[in-house]
Amino acid sequence: MADGVEVVLDQWSLKHGQDVNSFMEQMVLEPTITRVLVISDAKYAEKANTRKGGVGTESQIISEEIYKRVDQEKFIPVVRERDPDRNPCLPVFLKSRLYLDFSDAAVEAESYDGLLRNIFDRPSRPKPPLGKPPAHLFDDSAISIPAAQKAKRFQDIVVSGKGSLSAAFEDFTEEFLANFACLRLAYSHDQKEWCDTFLANIATGMQYRDICVNAIRAGIGHIPDQWFIDAVLAFLERLLAFRSRSAAGSYSEVSEDNYTFLIYELFLYVFASCVKSRRYADAAQLLEHRYVASVSFPTADYRSCSYGEFGGHVKTLDDICNSVRKLNRISVTADQIVERATRSDITVADIIQADVLCALASVKRRAYWYPRIIIYGSRVGKLELFARAVNERGLAALKTILAINDAAELFSIVNSKTIQRMYESRAFFHADVELDRLLNLREIAGAWGVKTDEGRD
């Protein structure tokens, strides 16, 4: 009553001279009575089962209603006692019903809250609103990718902790690589046809990207062990092999451009995932690692390469499609990356930041990385890590990723010939990229007392 529930109880509602059985029937049949609490201990259960006394009459009335309406919600069993085997003391007609447990003081508060939520129809876990079914279910061009099930299995083990994480991730990567091979294209000398085929292929590749990103993000977010990032590095190495010459169909230097694009995009998402999860040391490992990959087909000619190998030029998009479709774009590759950035967990800003960090890191890491996506920098304002770099904790992330010692070294990278050549390129000029604003350079310089070249715009 104190919690706002109007209660009808025989101790104050049944008066002398009134019929007891009629009162019981009223509680069962009266439409204004929305809940009837059947409070049961061992003695009550015994009397109900043997139909003895008032309890027997009461249970006969209730059980008839329960058996007539299997889906009823009016009668709520409340267990006050358990038998020696820890089974709830309930009458037979209530044995299969979901009950509230008041047999243990340790759970009474939780059970009472559950009772109030039941009465007021305010569940602790409300049913979520109905969303839209995944688009690929109704897309006749969508394909079924077996690796999706392996990825889901790995994600389930990450969450539940039941099973071998390393074995599940290995199963996923093996299946994914086998499925990824299905995207091989046969080159067409008809440039319009090739462009159309290529764009359709990388559209299908989004499904592969998201399956892979879902699995790797689950691991990055929950597995701190070194074996996982080692497994990711080994997986990325094997992806590079898809850029080698294919045995299928006619061949051109652009035959594997679809893989060049998809692998480039996937590397950006994996790197952005590490940054997003604040696994900065893992992000640094992606940049420090020397990838040993096969670079020729059909012979296994291996060589060591930097992460820059993932940022290859996609000639089909930036030259062929740009020309055939008369797009006149600075970078069709960048356009595609941004257009395809439809995930809520990895945004366009996250991808731009990953692209910029890869470019800055290239100065000290013996790599070449041209930041294509930066041309969309005006859309996002200051990049997050650079906005945070005005204090020690914020700067620590950039120190780890870029292998620098202080803010002054950050400026030496930004002002290096490598970065300045990129910044002065035609692409940056036409995109009107404001590097100082994007990288929050003025605030960082002020916070750390770094003297900068005031003449640089």
Protein backbone atom coordinates (compact mmCIF):
# COMPACT_ATOMS: atom_id res chain seq x y z
CA MET A 1 0.00 0.00 0.00
CA ALA A 2 2.86 2.38 0.84
CA ASP A 3 4.21 1.90 -2.69
CA GLY A 4 0.97 2.94 -4.38
CA VAL A 5 -0.71 -0.47 -4.79
CA GLU A 6 -4.37 -0.72 -3.74
CA VAL A 7 -4.58 -4.02 -1.84
CA VAL A 8 -7.64 -6.11 -0.98
CA LEU A 9 -6.88 -8.35 2.02
CA ASP A 10 -9.32 -10.45 4.02
CA GLN A 11 -7.93 -9.08 7.30
CA TRP A 12 -9.37 -5.63 6.54
CA SER A 13 -11.73 -6.24 3.64
CA LEU A 14 -13.79 -9.25 4.89
CA LYS A 15 -16.33 -8.35 7.56
CA HIS A 16 -18.15 -10.55 10.04
CA GLY A 17 -21.24 -12.13 8.54
CA GLN A 18 -19.88 -12.12 4.98
CA ASP A 19 -19.45 -15.36 3.04
CA VAL A 20 -15.81 -16.48 2.94
CA ASN A 21 -16.14 -18.54 -0.25
CA SER A 22 -17.93 -15.68 -1.99
CA PHE A 23 -15.07 -13.37 -1.00
CA MET A 24 -12.57 -15.79 -2.53
CA GLU A 25 -14.58 -16.07 -5.75
CA GLN A 26 -14.83 -12.28 -5.92
CA MET A 27 -11.03 -11.95 -5.75
CA VAL A 28 -10.71 -14.42 -8.63
CA LEU A 29 -13.51 -13.16 -10.87
CA GLU A 30 -13.69 -9.42 -10.08
CA PRO A 31 -12.25 -7.52 -13.13
CA THR A 32 -10.92 -4.66 -10.96
CA ILE A 33 -8.64 -7.14 -9.17
CA THR A 34 -5.72 -7.27 -11.60
CA ARG A 35 -3.34 -9.46 -9.56
CA VAL A 36 -3.86 -12.20 -6.98
CA LEU A 37 -0.78 -13.10 -4.93
CA VAL A 38 -0.72 -16.79 -3.98
CA ILE A 39 1.67 -16.75 -1.01
CA SER A 40 2.85 -20.30 -0.50
CA ASP A 41 4.91 -22.18 2.06
CA ALA A 42 5.08 -25.92 2.81
CA LYS A 43 1.87 -25.96 4.83
CA TYR A 44 -0.09 -23.99 2.23
CA ALA A 45 1.12 -26.27 -0.58
CA GLU A 46 0.11 -29.39 1.37
CA LYS A 47 -3.40 -28.07 2.15
CA ALA A 48 -3.87 -26.91 -1.47
CA ASN A 49 -2.84 -30.30 -2.86
CA THR A 50 -5.10 -32.23 -0.46
CA ARG A 51 -7.92 -29.68 -0.78
CA LYS A 52 -8.13 -29.21 3.01
CA GLY A 53 -9.94 -26.31 4.73
CA GLY A 54 -10.19 -22.81 3.35
CA VAL A 55 -6.95 -23.20 1.46
CA GLY A 56 -8.39 -26.21 -0.33
CA THR A 57 -11.49 -24.28 -1.35
CA GLU A 58 -9.40 -21.31 -2.41
CA SER A 59 -7.04 -23.44 -4.48
CA GLN A 60 -9.95 -25.21 -6.16
CA ILE A 61 -11.35 -21.87 -7.30
CA ILE A 62 -7.97 -20.59 -8.47
CA SER A 63 -6.82 -23.78 -10.19
CA GLU A 64 -9.98 -23.92 -12.27
CA GLU A 65 -9.26 -20.43 -13.59
CA ILE A 66 -5.59 -21.24 -14.22
CA TYR A 67 -6.31 -24.45 -16.12
CA LYS A 68 -8.93 -22.69 -18.25
CA ARG A 69 -6.51 -19.90 -19.20
CA VAL A 70 -2.99 -21.12 -19.75
CA ASP A 71 -1.72 -17.62 -20.61
CA GLN A 72 -3.15 -15.95 -17.50
CA GLU A 73 -1.07 -13.30 -15.68
CA LYS A 74 -3.47 -12.58 -12.81
CA PHE A 75 -2.23 -15.19 -10.32
CA ILE A 76 1.34 -14.64 -9.14
CA PRO A 77 2.97 -17.40 -7.06
CA VAL A 78 5.00 -16.00 -4.15
CA VAL A 79 7.32 -18.63 -2.64
CA ARG A 80 8.02 -18.23 1.09
CA GLU A 81 9.67 -21.59 1.75
CA ARG A 82 11.65 -24.34 0.03
CA ASP A 83 11.76 -28.07 0.71
CA PRO A 84 14.96 -29.89 1.87
CA ASP A 85 15.96 -30.34 -1.79
CA ARG A 86 15.68 -26.55 -2.31
CA ASN A 87 12.61 -26.92 -4.51
CA PRO A 88 9.97 -24.16 -4.08
CA CYS A 89 6.99 -25.14 -1.95
CA LEU A 90 4.12 -24.66 -4.39
CA PRO A 91 0.80 -26.42 -5.03
CA VAL A 92 0.79 -28.80 -7.99
CA PHE A 93 -1.33 -26.46 -10.10
CA LEU A 94 1.33 -23.73 -9.77
CA LYS A 95 4.46 -25.87 -10.22
CA SER A 96 5.04 -24.82 -13.83
CA ARG A 97 4.39 -21.12 -13.21
CA LEU A 98 7.08 -18.45 -12.98
CA TYR A 99 7.20 -17.36 -9.34
CA LEU A 100 8.63 -14.61 -7.16
CA ASP A 101 11.16 -15.87 -4.61
CA PHE A 102 10.70 -14.58 -1.06
CA SER A 103 12.23 -17.69 0.56
CA ASP A 104 15.65 -16.06 1.04
CA ALA A 105 16.26 -12.67 2.64
CA ALA A 106 19.15 -12.13 0.22
CA VAL A 107 16.81 -11.88 -2.78
CA GLU A 108 13.69 -10.39 -1.16
CA ALA A 109 14.48 -6.81 -2.19
CA GLU A 110 15.03 -7.84 -5.80
CA SER A 111 11.85 -9.96 -5.80
CA TYR A 112 9.80 -7.15 -4.28
CA ASP A 113 11.04 -4.76 -6.97
CA GLY A 114 10.06 -7.40 -9.54
CA LEU A 115 6.58 -7.62 -7.99
CA LEU A 116 6.04 -3.86 -8.22
CA ARG A 117 7.30 -3.82 -11.78
CA ASN A 118 4.85 -6.59 -12.65
CA ILE A 119 1.92 -4.75 -11.09
CA PHE A 120 2.74 -1.42 -12.73
CA ASP A 121 3.83 -3.06 -15.99
CA ARG A 122 7.28 -1.49 -15.84
CA PRO A 123 9.66 -4.37 -16.61
CA SER A 124 13.35 -3.95 -15.79
CA ARG A 125 14.13 -5.22 -19.30
CA PRO A 126 11.47 -3.70 -21.54
CA LYS A 127 10.98 -5.11 -24.98
CA PRO A 128 13.01 -2.98 -27.41
CA PRO A 129 11.23 -1.11 -30.20
CA LEU A 130 10.88 -2.94 -33.48
CA GLY A 131 13.64 -1.91 -35.85
CA LYS A 132 14.18 -2.47 -39.53
CA PRO A 133 15.29 -5.88 -40.76
CA PRO A 134 18.84 -5.97 -42.21
CA ALA A 135 18.76 -4.62 -45.76
CA HIS A 136 20.75 -7.53 -47.16
CA LEU A 137 17.87 -9.92 -46.37
CA PHE A 138 15.82 -8.21 -49.07
CA ASP A 139 18.70 -7.50 -51.42
CA ASP A 140 18.62 -10.09 -54.19
CA SER A 141 22.24 -9.26 -54.99
CA ALA A 142 23.38 -9.99 -51.42
CA ILE A 143 25.34 -13.16 -50.90
CA SER A 144 25.62 -15.60 -48.05
CA ILE A 145 29.08 -15.57 -46.50
CA PRO A 146 29.87 -18.66 -44.40
CA ALA A 147 32.50 -16.72 -42.44
CA ALA A 148 29.68 -14.72 -40.85
CA GLN A 149 28.76 -17.72 -38.70
CA LYS A 150 32.38 -18.23 -37.67
CA ALA A 151 32.62 -14.54 -36.75
CA LYS A 152 29.43 -14.78 -34.68
CA ARG A 153 30.79 -17.87 -32.91
CA PHE A 154 33.98 -15.99 -32.00
CA GLN A 155 31.99 -12.97 -30.77
CA ASP A 156 29.78 -15.22 -28.61
CA ILE A 157 32.85 -16.77 -26.97
CA VAL A 158 34.30 -13.30 -26.34
CA VAL A 159 31.10 -12.33 -24.50
CA SER A 160 30.41 -15.62 -22.67
CA GLY A 161 34.00 -16.68 -21.97
CA LYS A 162 33.01 -20.26 -22.80
CA GLY A 163 35.26 -21.81 -25.41
CA SER A 164 38.68 -21.32 -26.96
CA LEU A 165 39.11 -17.78 -28.21
CA SER A 166 42.26 -18.50 -30.21
CA ALA A 167 40.73 -21.54 -31.94
CA ALA A 168 37.52 -19.66 -32.73
CA PHE A 169 39.42 -16.68 -34.19
CA GLU A 170 41.59 -18.99 -36.29
CA ASP A 171 38.47 -20.76 -37.58
CA PHE A 172 37.01 -17.40 -38.52
CA THR A 173 40.11 -16.12 -40.33
CA GLU A 174 40.56 -19.34 -42.31
CA GLU A 175 36.92 -19.28 -43.40
CA PHE A 176 37.05 -15.57 -44.18
CA LEU A 177 40.15 -15.91 -46.38
CA ALA A 178 38.53 -18.79 -48.26
CA ASN A 179 35.36 -16.74 -48.80
CA PHE A 180 37.32 -13.60 -49.70
CA ALA A 181 38.86 -15.46 -52.64
CA CYS A 182 35.38 -15.59 -54.20
CA LEU A 183 35.68 -11.87 -54.99
CA ARG A 184 38.37 -12.46 -57.65
CA LEU A 185 37.55 -10.67 -60.88
CA ALA A 186 38.36 -11.44 -64.51
CA TYR A 187 39.60 -8.25 -66.13
CA SER A 188 37.59 -6.75 -68.97
CA HIS A 189 39.29 -4.56 -71.58
CA ASP A 190 36.02 -2.66 -71.99
CA GLN A 191 36.69 0.10 -69.48
CA LYS A 192 33.03 0.97 -68.90
CA GLU A 193 32.19 -2.67 -68.28
CA TRP A 194 35.22 -3.07 -66.04
CA CYS A 195 34.27 0.01 -64.01
CA ASP A 196 30.68 -1.21 -63.56
CA THR A 197 31.84 -4.69 -62.58
CA PHE A 198 34.42 -3.27 -60.19
CA LEU A 199 31.95 -1.00 -58.36
CA ALA A 200 29.47 -3.85 -57.99
CA ASN A 201 32.26 -6.05 -56.62
CA ILE A 202 33.40 -3.64 -53.91
CA ALA A 203 29.75 -3.01 -53.00
CA THR A 204 29.50 -6.73 -52.25
CA GLY A 205 32.80 -6.41 -50.39
CA MET A 206 31.13 -4.22 -47.76
CA GLN A 207 29.55 -7.38 -46.33
CA TYR A 208 33.00 -8.92 -45.97
CA ARG A 209 34.33 -5.73 -44.40
CA ASP A 210 31.61 -5.58 -41.77
CA ILE A 211 31.86 -9.27 -40.86
CA CYS A 212 35.60 -8.86 -40.35
CA VAL A 213 35.35 -5.56 -38.46
CA ASN A 214 32.67 -6.97 -36.13
CA ALA A 215 34.89 -9.89 -35.17
CA ILE A 216 38.08 -7.87 -34.76
CA ARG A 217 36.35 -5.09 -32.80
CA ALA A 218 34.97 -7.70 -30.39
CA GLY A 219 38.49 -9.00 -29.80
CA ILE A 220 40.12 -5.58 -29.54
CA GLY A 221 37.49 -4.46 -27.06
CA HIS A 222 37.73 -7.48 -24.75
CA ILE A 223 40.96 -9.48 -25.28
CA PRO A 224 44.01 -7.79 -23.72
CA ASP A 225 46.38 -10.66 -24.50
CA GLN A 226 49.22 -10.17 -27.00
CA TRP A 227 48.24 -13.31 -28.91
CA PHE A 228 45.18 -11.56 -30.31
CA ILE A 229 46.98 -8.61 -31.88
CA ASP A 230 49.58 -11.09 -33.17
CA ALA A 231 46.75 -13.08 -34.79
CA VAL A 232 45.36 -9.89 -36.35
CA LEU A 233 48.78 -9.00 -37.77
CA ALA A 234 49.13 -12.50 -39.25
CA PHE A 235 45.64 -12.18 -40.76
CA LEU A 236 46.48 -8.82 -42.33
CA GLU A 237 49.66 -10.29 -43.82
CA ARG A 238 47.64 -12.99 -45.54
CA LEU A 239 45.24 -10.40 -46.93
CA LEU A 240 48.10 -8.74 -48.80
CA ALA A 241 48.53 -11.89 -50.88
CA PHE A 242 45.22 -11.12 -52.61
CA ARG A 243 46.89 -8.18 -54.33
CA SER A 244 49.10 -10.66 -56.23
CA ARG A 245 48.34 -11.65 -59.78
CA SER A 246 45.30 -13.86 -60.23
CA ALA A 247 45.30 -17.05 -62.26
CA ALA A 248 41.74 -16.49 -63.42
CA GLY A 249 40.83 -14.79 -66.73
CA SER A 250 42.77 -12.14 -68.59
CA TYR A 251 45.23 -10.07 -66.62
CA SER A 252 45.96 -6.38 -66.26
CA GLU A 253 47.83 -4.29 -63.72
CA VAL A 254 44.41 -3.35 -62.31
CA SER A 255 43.03 -6.91 -62.12
CA GLU A 256 43.38 -7.02 -58.31
CA ASP A 257 42.38 -3.40 -57.72
CA ASN A 258 39.21 -4.55 -55.93
CA TYR A 259 41.40 -6.27 -53.35
CA THR A 260 43.70 -3.25 -53.15
CA PHE A 261 40.69 -1.10 -52.27
CA LEU A 262 39.03 -3.56 -49.85
CA ILE A 263 42.28 -4.31 -48.00
CA TYR A 264 43.06 -0.59 -47.75
CA GLU A 265 39.60 0.08 -46.31
CA LEU A 266 39.82 -2.85 -43.92
CA PHE A 267 43.22 -1.74 -42.59
CA LEU A 268 41.81 1.71 -41.86
CA TYR A 269 38.89 0.16 -39.96
CA VAL A 270 41.12 -2.16 -37.94
CA PHE A 271 43.46 0.71 -37.07
CA ALA A 272 40.51 2.99 -36.21
CA SER A 273 39.08 0.21 -34.02
CA CYS A 274 42.29 0.08 -31.98
CA VAL A 275 42.22 3.86 -31.52
CA LYS A 276 38.51 3.85 -30.71
CA SER A 277 39.05 1.20 -28.01
CA ARG A 278 42.06 3.17 -26.67
CA ARG A 279 44.35 0.29 -27.51
CA TYR A 280 47.04 2.72 -28.59
CA ALA A 281 49.89 0.23 -28.17
CA ASP A 282 48.05 -2.16 -30.50
CA ALA A 283 47.57 0.65 -33.02
CA ALA A 284 51.30 1.31 -32.83
CA GLN A 285 52.02 -2.37 -33.48
CA LEU A 286 49.99 -2.19 -36.70
CA LEU A 287 52.36 0.57 -37.83
CA GLU A 288 55.61 -0.92 -36.49
CA HIS A 289 55.12 -4.46 -37.78
CA ARG A 290 57.07 -5.63 -40.82
CA TYR A 291 54.54 -7.58 -42.87
CA VAL A 292 55.94 -10.62 -44.68
CA ALA A 293 53.67 -11.20 -47.65
CA SER A 294 53.65 -13.02 -50.97
CA VAL A 295 53.91 -10.50 -53.79
CA SER A 296 53.78 -12.71 -56.88
CA PHE A 297 51.61 -15.44 -58.40
CA PRO A 298 51.86 -18.39 -58.76
CA THR A 299 55.28 -18.58 -57.06
CA ALA A 300 55.57 -17.82 -53.37
CA ASP A 301 57.93 -14.85 -53.55
CA TYR A 302 57.85 -13.35 -50.07
CA ARG A 303 59.14 -9.96 -49.02
CA SER A 304 59.00 -7.77 -45.96
CA CYS A 305 57.01 -4.56 -46.23
CA SER A 306 55.64 -1.75 -44.08
CA TYR A 307 52.00 -0.95 -43.37
CA GLY A 308 52.23 1.39 -46.36
CA GLU A 309 51.59 -1.68 -48.53
CA PHE A 310 47.94 -1.49 -47.42
CA GLY A 311 47.56 2.01 -48.88
CA GLY A 312 48.11 1.17 -52.54
CA HIS A 313 46.83 3.36 -55.36
CA VAL A 314 43.49 2.15 -56.75
CA LYS A 315 43.91 2.99 -60.42
CA THR A 316 40.52 1.58 -61.42
CA LEU A 317 38.71 4.11 -59.24
CA ASP A 318 40.92 7.18 -59.46
CA ASP A 319 41.85 6.90 -63.14
CA ILE A 320 39.51 4.60 -65.06
CA CYS A 321 36.14 5.19 -63.34
CA ASN A 322 36.94 8.86 -62.81
CA SER A 323 37.47 9.20 -66.56
CA VAL A 324 34.79 6.82 -67.91
CA ARG A 325 32.06 8.30 -65.71
CA LYS A 326 33.36 11.87 -66.16
CA LEU A 327 33.38 12.36 -62.38
CA ASN A 328 36.24 14.87 -62.24
CA ARG A 329 36.85 13.99 -58.58
CA ILE A 330 40.02 14.56 -56.53
CA SER A 331 39.92 10.95 -55.30
CA VAL A 332 37.16 8.50 -56.15
CA THR A 333 38.80 6.13 -53.64
CA ALA A 334 38.25 8.67 -50.86
CA ASP A 335 34.70 9.28 -52.09
CA GLN A 336 33.97 5.56 -51.87
CA ILE A 337 35.47 5.18 -48.39
CA VAL A 338 33.38 8.07 -47.05
CA GLU A 339 30.20 6.98 -48.86
CA ARG A 340 30.59 3.48 -47.42
CA ALA A 341 31.20 4.73 -43.84
CA THR A 342 27.72 3.71 -42.72
CA ARG A 343 28.63 2.08 -39.41
CA SER A 344 27.70 3.82 -36.16
CA ASP A 345 30.72 2.48 -34.23
CA ILE A 346 33.37 3.61 -36.73
CA THR A 347 32.45 7.00 -38.18
CA VAL A 348 33.84 9.12 -41.01
CA ALA A 349 35.75 11.14 -38.39
CA ASP A 350 37.33 7.95 -37.05
CA ILE A 351 38.43 6.93 -40.56
CA ILE A 352 39.86 10.37 -41.35
CA GLN A 353 41.78 10.32 -38.06
CA ALA A 354 43.14 6.83 -38.84
CA ASP A 355 44.22 8.04 -42.29
CA VAL A 356 45.98 11.11 -40.87
CA LEU A 357 47.74 9.12 -38.13
CA CYS A 358 49.01 6.62 -40.71
CA ALA A 359 50.39 9.48 -42.78
CA LEU A 360 52.10 11.21 -39.84
CA ALA A 361 53.51 7.91 -38.56
CA SER A 362 55.08 7.23 -41.96
CA VAL A 363 57.74 9.90 -41.33
CA LYS A 364 59.43 7.80 -38.61
CA ARG A 365 58.31 4.35 -39.66
CA ARG A 366 59.99 3.97 -43.08
CA ALA A 367 56.63 3.77 -44.82
CA TYR A 368 54.73 5.73 -47.43
CA TRP A 369 51.11 6.60 -46.74
CA TYR A 370 49.24 9.24 -48.69
CA PRO A 371 46.22 10.44 -46.66
CA ARG A 372 43.47 10.35 -49.28
CA ILE A 373 40.53 10.65 -46.88
CA ILE A 374 41.87 13.88 -45.35
CA ILE A 375 40.24 15.80 -48.21
CA TYR A 376 37.00 15.35 -46.24
CA GLY A 377 38.59 16.90 -43.14
CA SER A 378 36.45 20.04 -43.32
CA ARG A 379 33.43 17.89 -42.40
CA VAL A 380 34.68 16.85 -38.98
CA GLY A 381 36.39 19.80 -37.26
CA LYS A 382 39.23 18.87 -34.92
CA LEU A 383 40.24 15.22 -34.80
CA GLU A 384 39.63 13.69 -31.37
CA LEU A 385 43.15 12.60 -30.38
CA PHE A 386 44.57 15.97 -31.39
CA ALA A 387 41.82 17.82 -29.51
CA ARG A 388 42.78 15.83 -26.40
CA ALA A 389 46.52 16.38 -26.82
CA VAL A 390 46.55 19.61 -24.79
CA ASN A 391 47.28 17.67 -21.58
CA GLU A 392 49.67 14.89 -20.66
CA ARG A 393 47.12 12.09 -20.77
CA GLY A 394 45.82 13.21 -24.14
CA LEU A 395 49.28 13.64 -25.63
CA ALA A 396 50.28 10.17 -24.38
CA ALA A 397 48.08 8.55 -27.03
CA LEU A 398 49.88 10.40 -29.85
CA LYS A 399 53.26 9.64 -28.27
CA THR A 400 52.49 5.93 -28.39
CA ILE A 401 51.03 5.83 -31.89
CA LEU A 402 53.49 8.19 -33.57
CA ALA A 403 56.57 7.10 -31.57
CA ILE A 404 57.34 10.64 -30.43
CA ASN A 405 58.68 11.96 -27.13
CA ASP A 406 56.87 15.28 -26.83
CA ALA A 407 54.69 17.86 -28.58
CA ALA A 408 57.72 19.49 -30.21
CA GLU A 409 58.43 16.25 -32.04
CA LEU A 410 54.84 16.20 -33.29
CA PHE A 411 55.45 19.59 -34.90
CA SER A 412 58.71 18.39 -36.42
CA ILE A 413 56.72 15.63 -38.13
CA VAL A 414 53.98 17.98 -39.32
CA ASN A 415 56.62 20.38 -40.68
CA SER A 416 58.72 17.61 -42.26
CA LYS A 417 59.33 17.61 -46.00
CA THR A 418 57.31 14.41 -46.32
CA ILE A 419 54.15 15.88 -44.83
CA GLN A 420 54.64 19.28 -46.44
CA ARG A 421 54.91 17.71 -49.89
CA MET A 422 51.62 15.91 -49.24
CA TYR A 423 50.01 19.09 -47.92
CA GLU A 424 51.12 21.14 -50.90
CA SER A 425 49.79 18.61 -53.40
CA ARG A 426 46.99 19.37 -55.84
CA ALA A 427 44.53 17.24 -53.88
CA PHE A 428 45.00 19.22 -50.65
CA PHE A 429 44.88 22.52 -52.49
CA HIS A 430 41.56 21.79 -54.21
CA ALA A 431 40.02 20.25 -51.08
CA ASP A 432 40.94 23.34 -49.04
CA VAL A 433 42.23 21.25 -46.12
CA GLU A 434 43.10 23.33 -43.03
CA LEU A 435 45.74 21.18 -41.38
CA ASP A 436 46.25 23.55 -38.42
CA ARG A 437 42.57 23.34 -37.50
CA LEU A 438 42.21 19.62 -38.18
CA LEU A 439 45.20 18.75 -36.00
CA ASN A 440 44.45 21.42 -33.36
CA LEU A 441 48.02 22.67 -33.80
CA ARG A 442 47.62 26.16 -32.34
CA GLU A 443 46.09 24.89 -29.09
CA ILE A 444 48.66 22.11 -28.77
CA ALA A 445 51.48 24.60 -29.36
CA GLY A 446 50.03 26.93 -26.73
CA ALA A 447 49.53 24.15 -24.19
CA TRP A 448 53.10 22.86 -24.53
CA GLY A 449 54.95 26.08 -25.33
CA VAL A 450 56.07 24.92 -28.75
CA LYS A 451 57.38 27.63 -31.10
CA THR A 452 55.87 27.18 -34.54
CA ASP A 453 56.34 28.69 -37.96
CA GLU A 454 53.79 31.50 -37.84
CA GLY A 455 54.13 31.99 -41.58
CA ARG A 456 52.72 28.57 -42.43
CA ASP A 457 49.02 28.75 -43.23
